[in-house]
Amino acid sequence: MKKPLVLLVDDDHDFSDLLAEYLTGEGFDIRAVYDGEQGCIAALDPAVAIIILDVMLPKMNGFEVLRKINRQSVRPY
């Protein structure tokens, strides 16, 4: 069975690495990006099953990222 892909959007590299290590051990695949613009682009990948989104991000805050993802997504949320 294919592992769920978790998109982690957080500018704290150390925290992202720690969380990615934990989630990988729990059976998830991880993709980490470190700013809001990258998060918007990566979130549109249909392979992404779960998004962990920080609020305070460079380039675009988490609330803006979420609004943009919702406008561009074809997934029923």
PDB file of N, CA and C in Angstrom:
ATOM      1  N   MET A   1       0.842  -1.181   0.000  1.00  0.00           N
ATOM      2  CA  MET A   1       0.000   0.000   0.000  1.00  0.00           C
ATOM      3  C   MET A   1       0.890   1.249   0.000  1.00  0.00           C
ATOM      4  N   LYS A   2       0.489   2.251  -0.749  1.00  0.00           N
ATOM      5  CA  LYS A   2       1.255   3.482  -0.854  1.00  0.00           C
ATOM      6  C   LYS A   2       1.116   4.298   0.428  1.00  0.00           C
ATOM      7  N   LYS A   3       2.213   4.897   0.858  1.00  0.00           N
ATOM      8  CA  LYS A   3       2.208   5.721   2.069  1.00  0.00           C
ATOM      9  C   LYS A   3       1.578   7.074   1.773  1.00  0.00           C
ATOM     10  N   PRO A   4       0.790   7.618   2.717  1.00  0.00           N
ATOM     11  CA  PRO A   4       0.243   8.968   2.517  1.00  0.00           C
ATOM     12  C   PRO A   4       1.362  10.003   2.495  1.00  0.00           C
ATOM     13  N   LEU A   5       1.244  10.984   1.606  1.00  0.00           N
ATOM     14  CA  LEU A   5       2.225  12.055   1.504  1.00  0.00           C
ATOM     15  C   LEU A   5       1.777  13.235   2.357  1.00  0.00           C
ATOM     16  N   VAL A   6       2.628  13.634   3.284  1.00  0.00           N
ATOM     17  CA  VAL A   6       2.374  14.783   4.147  1.00  0.00           C
ATOM     18  C   VAL A   6       3.212  15.948   3.639  1.00  0.00           C
ATOM     19  N   LEU A   7       2.565  17.072   3.387  1.00  0.00           N
ATOM     20  CA  LEU A   7       3.268  18.299   3.031  1.00  0.00           C
ATOM     21  C   LEU A   7       3.435  19.114   4.301  1.00  0.00           C
ATOM     22  N   LEU A   8       4.669  19.397   4.646  1.00  0.00           N
ATOM     23  CA  LEU A   8       4.997  20.181   5.825  1.00  0.00           C
ATOM     24  C   LEU A   8       5.484  21.545   5.369  1.00  0.00           C
ATOM     25  N   VAL A   9       4.739  22.597   5.735  1.00  0.00           N
ATOM     26  CA  VAL A   9       5.083  23.963   5.336  1.00  0.00           C
ATOM     27  C   VAL A   9       5.448  24.732   6.602  1.00  0.00           C
ATOM     28  N   ASP A  10       6.738  24.903   6.838  1.00  0.00           N
ATOM     29  CA  ASP A  10       7.219  25.571   8.048  1.00  0.00           C
ATOM     30  C   ASP A  10       8.610  26.114   7.776  1.00  0.00           C
ATOM     31  N   ASP A  11       8.884  27.328   8.221  1.00  0.00           N
ATOM     32  CA  ASP A  11      10.190  27.933   7.969  1.00  0.00           C
ATOM     33  C   ASP A  11      11.260  27.517   8.971  1.00  0.00           C
ATOM     34  N   ASP A  12      10.906  26.788   9.995  1.00  0.00           N
ATOM     35  CA  ASP A  12      11.866  26.305  10.985  1.00  0.00           C
ATOM     36  C   ASP A  12      12.426  24.962  10.508  1.00  0.00           C
ATOM     37  N   HIS A  13      13.629  24.998   9.964  1.00  0.00           N
ATOM     38  CA  HIS A  13      14.217  23.797   9.378  1.00  0.00           C
ATOM     39  C   HIS A  13      14.447  22.698  10.413  1.00  0.00           C
ATOM     40  N   ASP A  14      14.892  23.066  11.607  1.00  0.00           N
ATOM     41  CA  ASP A  14      15.140  22.062  12.640  1.00  0.00           C
ATOM     42  C   ASP A  14      13.850  21.366  13.052  1.00  0.00           C
ATOM     43  N   PHE A  15      12.790  22.144  13.260  1.00  0.00           N
ATOM     44  CA  PHE A  15      11.499  21.565  13.620  1.00  0.00           C
ATOM     45  C   PHE A  15      10.976  20.684  12.489  1.00  0.00           C
ATOM     46  N   SER A  16      11.109  21.150  11.257  1.00  0.00           N
ATOM     47  CA  SER A  16      10.652  20.374  10.107  1.00  0.00           C
ATOM     48  C   SER A  16      11.380  19.044  10.012  1.00  0.00           C
ATOM     49  N   ASP A  17      12.696  19.078  10.225  1.00  0.00           N
ATOM     50  CA  ASP A  17      13.476  17.841  10.179  1.00  0.00           C
ATOM     51  C   ASP A  17      13.043  16.873  11.267  1.00  0.00           C
ATOM     52  N   LEU A  18      12.825  17.389  12.473  1.00  0.00           N
ATOM     53  CA  LEU A  18      12.401  16.550  13.589  1.00  0.00           C
ATOM     54  C   LEU A  18      11.028  15.931  13.321  1.00  0.00           C
ATOM     55  N   LEU A  19      10.087  16.754  12.872  1.00  0.00           N
ATOM     56  CA  LEU A  19       8.744  16.255  12.586  1.00  0.00           C
ATOM     57  C   LEU A  19       8.765  15.265  11.421  1.00  0.00           C
ATOM     58  N   ALA A  20       9.558  15.549  10.411  1.00  0.00           N
ATOM     59  CA  ALA A  20       9.669  14.635   9.265  1.00  0.00           C
ATOM     60  C   ALA A  20      10.232  13.286   9.709  1.00  0.00           C
ATOM     61  N   GLU A  21      11.223  13.308  10.566  1.00  0.00           N
ATOM     62  CA  GLU A  21      11.801  12.059  11.068  1.00  0.00           C
ATOM     63  C   GLU A  21      10.752  11.243  11.838  1.00  0.00           C
ATOM     64  N   TYR A  22       9.987  11.915  12.676  1.00  0.00           N
ATOM     65  CA  TYR A  22       8.945  11.226  13.442  1.00  0.00           C
ATOM     66  C   TYR A  22       7.864  10.663  12.514  1.00  0.00           C
ATOM     67  N   LEU A  23       7.362  11.472  11.603  1.00  0.00           N
ATOM     68  CA  LEU A  23       6.274  11.037  10.727  1.00  0.00           C
ATOM     69  C   LEU A  23       6.710   9.943   9.765  1.00  0.00           C
ATOM     70  N   THR A  24       7.950   9.998   9.324  1.00  0.00           N
ATOM     71  CA  THR A  24       8.480   8.931   8.474  1.00  0.00           C
ATOM     72  C   THR A  24       8.473   7.607   9.237  1.00  0.00           C
ATOM     73  N   GLY A  25       8.859   7.665  10.500  1.00  0.00           N
ATOM     74  CA  GLY A  25       8.831   6.474  11.341  1.00  0.00           C
ATOM     75  C   GLY A  25       7.437   5.933  11.573  1.00  0.00           C
ATOM     76  N   GLU A  26       6.434   6.784  11.426  1.00  0.00           N
ATOM     77  CA  GLU A  26       5.038   6.372  11.592  1.00  0.00           C
ATOM     78  C   GLU A  26       4.404   5.930  10.278  1.00  0.00           C
ATOM     79  N   GLY A  27       5.200   5.905   9.209  1.00  0.00           N
ATOM     80  CA  GLY A  27       4.706   5.360   7.948  1.00  0.00           C
ATOM     81  C   GLY A  27       4.263   6.374   6.913  1.00  0.00           C
ATOM     82  N   PHE A  28       4.620   7.639   7.082  1.00  0.00           N
ATOM     83  CA  PHE A  28       4.241   8.663   6.117  1.00  0.00           C
ATOM     84  C   PHE A  28       5.432   9.025   5.238  1.00  0.00           C
ATOM     85  N   ASP A  29       5.159   9.444   4.005  1.00  0.00           N
ATOM     86  CA  ASP A  29       6.155  10.100   3.175  1.00  0.00           C
ATOM     87  C   ASP A  29       6.036  11.594   3.456  1.00  0.00           C
ATOM     88  N   ILE A  30       7.165  12.289   3.440  1.00  0.00           N
ATOM     89  CA  ILE A  30       7.178  13.705   3.804  1.00  0.00           C
ATOM     90  C   ILE A  30       7.771  14.531   2.683  1.00  0.00           C
ATOM     91  N   ARG A  31       7.160  15.667   2.431  1.00  0.00           N
ATOM     92  CA  ARG A  31       7.758  16.701   1.594  1.00  0.00           C
ATOM     93  C   ARG A  31       7.723  17.981   2.415  1.00  0.00           C
ATOM     94  N   ALA A  32       8.862  18.589   2.622  1.00  0.00           N
ATOM     95  CA  ALA A  32       8.940  19.821   3.410  1.00  0.00           C
ATOM     96  C   ALA A  32       9.317  20.984   2.507  1.00  0.00           C
ATOM     97  N   VAL A  33       8.614  22.105   2.690  1.00  0.00           N
ATOM     98  CA  VAL A  33       8.960  23.364   2.039  1.00  0.00           C
ATOM     99  C   VAL A  33       8.991  24.432   3.123  1.00  0.00           C
ATOM    100  N   TYR A  34       9.668  25.557   2.839  1.00  0.00           N
ATOM    101  CA  TYR A  34      10.025  26.462   3.915  1.00  0.00           C
ATOM    102  C   TYR A  34       9.509  27.891   3.775  1.00  0.00           C
ATOM    103  N   ASP A  35       8.602  28.131   2.842  1.00  0.00           N
ATOM    104  CA  ASP A  35       7.947  29.439   2.784  1.00  0.00           C
ATOM    105  C   ASP A  35       6.564  29.284   2.153  1.00  0.00           C
ATOM    106  N   GLY A  36       5.768  30.332   2.286  1.00  0.00           N
ATOM    107  CA  GLY A  36       4.392  30.268   1.837  1.00  0.00           C
ATOM    108  C   GLY A  36       4.226  30.069   0.341  1.00  0.00           C
ATOM    109  N   GLU A  37       5.076  30.709  -0.445  1.00  0.00           N
ATOM    110  CA  GLU A  37       4.962  30.558  -1.899  1.00  0.00           C
ATOM    111  C   GLU A  37       5.230  29.115  -2.325  1.00  0.00           C
ATOM    112  N   GLN A  38       6.274  28.510  -1.765  1.00  0.00           N
ATOM    113  CA  GLN A  38       6.553  27.108  -2.076  1.00  0.00           C
ATOM    114  C   GLN A  38       5.404  26.218  -1.605  1.00  0.00           C
ATOM    115  N   GLY A  39       4.823  26.561  -0.459  1.00  0.00           N
ATOM    116  CA  GLY A  39       3.698  25.782   0.064  1.00  0.00           C
ATOM    117  C   GLY A  39       2.505  25.786  -0.872  1.00  0.00           C
ATOM    118  N   CYS A  40       2.205  26.951  -1.451  1.00  0.00           N
ATOM    119  CA  CYS A  40       1.083  27.043  -2.399  1.00  0.00           C
ATOM    120  C   CYS A  40       1.304  26.149  -3.601  1.00  0.00           C
ATOM    121  N   ILE A  41       2.503  26.157  -4.110  1.00  0.00           N
ATOM    122  CA  ILE A  41       2.810  25.349  -5.288  1.00  0.00           C
ATOM    123  C   ILE A  41       2.754  23.860  -4.947  1.00  0.00           C
ATOM    124  N   ALA A  42       3.414  23.479  -3.848  1.00  0.00           N
ATOM    125  CA  ALA A  42       3.493  22.064  -3.470  1.00  0.00           C
ATOM    126  C   ALA A  42       2.132  21.495  -3.087  1.00  0.00           C
ATOM    127  N   ALA A  43       1.259  22.312  -2.521  1.00  0.00           N
ATOM    128  CA  ALA A  43      -0.045  21.834  -2.064  1.00  0.00           C
ATOM    129  C   ALA A  43      -0.942  21.389  -3.207  1.00  0.00           C
ATOM    130  N   LEU A  44      -0.679  21.852  -4.397  1.00  0.00           N
ATOM    131  CA  LEU A  44      -1.513  21.486  -5.532  1.00  0.00           C
ATOM    132  C   LEU A  44      -1.161  20.126  -6.126  1.00  0.00           C
ATOM    133  N   ASP A  45      -0.109  19.516  -5.630  1.00  0.00           N
ATOM    134  CA  ASP A  45       0.262  18.170  -6.068  1.00  0.00           C
ATOM    135  C   ASP A  45      -0.834  17.202  -5.618  1.00  0.00           C
ATOM    136  N   PRO A  46      -1.464  16.484  -6.518  1.00  0.00           N
ATOM    137  CA  PRO A  46      -2.557  15.582  -6.131  1.00  0.00           C
ATOM    138  C   PRO A  46      -2.119  14.436  -5.222  1.00  0.00           C
ATOM    139  N   ALA A  47      -0.822  14.192  -5.116  1.00  0.00           N
ATOM    140  CA  ALA A  47      -0.341  13.132  -4.230  1.00  0.00           C
ATOM    141  C   ALA A  47      -0.390  13.539  -2.756  1.00  0.00           C
ATOM    142  N   VAL A  48      -0.500  14.843  -2.472  1.00  0.00           N
ATOM    143  CA  VAL A  48      -0.519  15.323  -1.088  1.00  0.00           C
ATOM    144  C   VAL A  48      -1.839  14.922  -0.428  1.00  0.00           C
ATOM    145  N   ALA A  49      -1.716  14.200   0.688  1.00  0.00           N
ATOM    146  CA  ALA A  49      -2.898  13.755   1.429  1.00  0.00           C
ATOM    147  C   ALA A  49      -3.184  14.642   2.630  1.00  0.00           C
ATOM    148  N   ILE A  50      -2.121  15.184   3.235  1.00  0.00           N
ATOM    149  CA  ILE A  50      -2.242  15.961   4.467  1.00  0.00           C
ATOM    150  C   ILE A  50      -1.293  17.148   4.369  1.00  0.00           C
ATOM    151  N   ILE A  51      -1.736  18.314   4.860  1.00  0.00           N
ATOM    152  CA  ILE A  51      -0.869  19.489   4.905  1.00  0.00           C
ATOM    153  C   ILE A  51      -0.761  19.946   6.351  1.00  0.00           C
ATOM    154  N   ILE A  52       0.480  20.089   6.820  1.00  0.00           N
ATOM    155  CA  ILE A  52       0.740  20.704   8.116  1.00  0.00           C
ATOM    156  C   ILE A  52       1.292  22.083   7.797  1.00  0.00           C
ATOM    157  N   LEU A  53       0.548  23.119   8.174  1.00  0.00           N
ATOM    158  CA  LEU A  53       0.822  24.483   7.713  1.00  0.00           C
ATOM    159  C   LEU A  53       1.050  25.408   8.895  1.00  0.00           C
ATOM    160  N   ASP A  54       2.227  26.026   8.941  1.00  0.00           N
ATOM    161  CA  ASP A  54       2.541  27.040   9.943  1.00  0.00           C
ATOM    162  C   ASP A  54       1.834  28.335   9.564  1.00  0.00           C
ATOM    163  N   VAL A  55       1.537  29.160  10.544  1.00  0.00           N
ATOM    164  CA  VAL A  55       0.875  30.430  10.274  1.00  0.00           C
ATOM    165  C   VAL A  55       1.891  31.515   9.919  1.00  0.00           C
ATOM    166  N   MET A  56       2.982  31.578  10.654  1.00  0.00           N
ATOM    167  CA  MET A  56       3.969  32.638  10.447  1.00  0.00           C
ATOM    168  C   MET A  56       5.058  32.129   9.510  1.00  0.00           C
ATOM    169  N   LEU A  57       4.920  32.481   8.239  1.00  0.00           N
ATOM    170  CA  LEU A  57       5.838  32.028   7.185  1.00  0.00           C
ATOM    171  C   LEU A  57       6.394  33.229   6.433  1.00  0.00           C
ATOM    172  N   PRO A  58       7.597  33.087   5.877  1.00  0.00           N
ATOM    173  CA  PRO A  58       8.095  34.152   4.998  1.00  0.00           C
ATOM    174  C   PRO A  58       7.365  34.135   3.654  1.00  0.00           C
ATOM    175  N   LYS A  59       7.369  35.277   3.011  1.00  0.00           N
ATOM    176  CA  LYS A  59       6.810  35.508   1.669  1.00  0.00           C
ATOM    177  C   LYS A  59       5.290  35.528   1.632  1.00  0.00           C
ATOM    178  N   MET A  60       4.625  34.678   2.408  1.00  0.00           N
ATOM    179  CA  MET A  60       3.153  34.627   2.431  1.00  0.00           C
ATOM    180  C   MET A  60       2.768  33.882   3.707  1.00  0.00           C
ATOM    181  N   ASN A  61       1.912  34.495   4.544  1.00  0.00           N
ATOM    182  CA  ASN A  61       1.586  33.813   5.800  1.00  0.00           C
ATOM    183  C   ASN A  61       0.656  32.626   5.569  1.00  0.00           C
ATOM    184  N   GLY A  62       0.515  31.797   6.587  1.00  0.00           N
ATOM    185  CA  GLY A  62      -0.259  30.568   6.473  1.00  0.00           C
ATOM    186  C   GLY A  62      -1.719  30.786   6.106  1.00  0.00           C
ATOM    187  N   PHE A  63      -2.308  31.877   6.593  1.00  0.00           N
ATOM    188  CA  PHE A  63      -3.709  32.159   6.254  1.00  0.00           C
ATOM    189  C   PHE A  63      -3.852  32.479   4.762  1.00  0.00           C
ATOM    190  N   GLU A  64      -2.906  33.239   4.233  1.00  0.00           N
ATOM    191  CA  GLU A  64      -2.918  33.544   2.797  1.00  0.00           C
ATOM    192  C   GLU A  64      -2.700  32.275   1.971  1.00  0.00           C
ATOM    193  N   VAL A  65      -1.794  31.433   2.438  1.00  0.00           N
ATOM    194  CA  VAL A  65      -1.532  30.164   1.753  1.00  0.00           C
ATOM    195  C   VAL A  65      -2.812  29.329   1.699  1.00  0.00           C
ATOM    196  N   LEU A  66      -3.486  29.212   2.829  1.00  0.00           N
ATOM    197  CA  LEU A  66      -4.712  28.418   2.886  1.00  0.00           C
ATOM    198  C   LEU A  66      -5.778  28.965   1.949  1.00  0.00           C
ATOM    199  N   ARG A  67      -5.961  30.279   1.930  1.00  0.00           N
ATOM    200  CA  ARG A  67      -6.953  30.875   1.015  1.00  0.00           C
ATOM    201  C   ARG A  67      -6.599  30.576  -0.444  1.00  0.00           C
ATOM    202  N   LYS A  68      -5.316  30.700  -0.779  1.00  0.00           N
ATOM    203  CA  LYS A  68      -4.895  30.458  -2.162  1.00  0.00           C
ATOM    204  C   LYS A  68      -5.071  28.989  -2.542  1.00  0.00           C
ATOM    205  N   ILE A  69      -4.728  28.097  -1.626  1.00  0.00           N
ATOM    206  CA  ILE A  69      -4.911  26.667  -1.889  1.00  0.00           C
ATOM    207  C   ILE A  69      -6.390  26.366  -2.129  1.00  0.00           C
ATOM    208  N   ASN A  70      -7.253  26.914  -1.291  1.00  0.00           N
ATOM    209  CA  ASN A  70      -8.691  26.659  -1.443  1.00  0.00           C
ATOM    210  C   ASN A  70      -9.234  27.193  -2.755  1.00  0.00           C
ATOM    211  N   ARG A  71      -8.738  28.341  -3.211  1.00  0.00           N
ATOM    212  CA  ARG A  71      -9.197  28.903  -4.488  1.00  0.00           C
ATOM    213  C   ARG A  71      -8.727  28.082  -5.681  1.00  0.00           C
ATOM    214  N   GLN A  72      -7.516  27.523  -5.592  1.00  0.00           N
ATOM    215  CA  GLN A  72      -6.931  26.823  -6.724  1.00  0.00           C
ATOM    216  C   GLN A  72      -7.195  25.321  -6.724  1.00  0.00           C
ATOM    217  N   SER A  73      -7.653  24.800  -5.627  1.00  0.00           N
ATOM    218  CA  SER A  73      -7.810  23.353  -5.505  1.00  0.00           C
ATOM    219  C   SER A  73      -9.086  22.890  -6.196  1.00  0.00           C
ATOM    220  N   VAL A  74      -8.996  21.673  -6.734  1.00  0.00           N
ATOM    221  CA  VAL A  74     -10.184  21.065  -7.318  1.00  0.00           C
ATOM    222  C   VAL A  74     -10.736  19.996  -6.369  1.00  0.00           C
ATOM    223  N   ARG A  75     -10.110  19.850  -5.215  1.00  0.00           N
ATOM    224  CA  ARG A  75     -10.554  18.847  -4.233  1.00  0.00           C
ATOM    225  C   ARG A  75     -11.756  19.384  -3.452  1.00  0.00           C
ATOM    226  N   PRO A  76     -12.682  18.549  -3.156  1.00  0.00           N
ATOM    227  CA  PRO A  76     -13.830  18.991  -2.345  1.00  0.00           C
ATOM    228  C   PRO A  76     -13.449  19.014  -0.864  1.00  0.00           C
ATOM    229  N   TYR A  77     -13.335  20.200  -0.279  1.00  0.00           N
ATOM    230  CA  TYR A  77     -13.011  20.337   1.144  1.00  0.00           C
ATOM    231  C   TYR A  77     -14.257  20.615   1.932  1.00  0.00           C
TER     232      TYR A  77
END
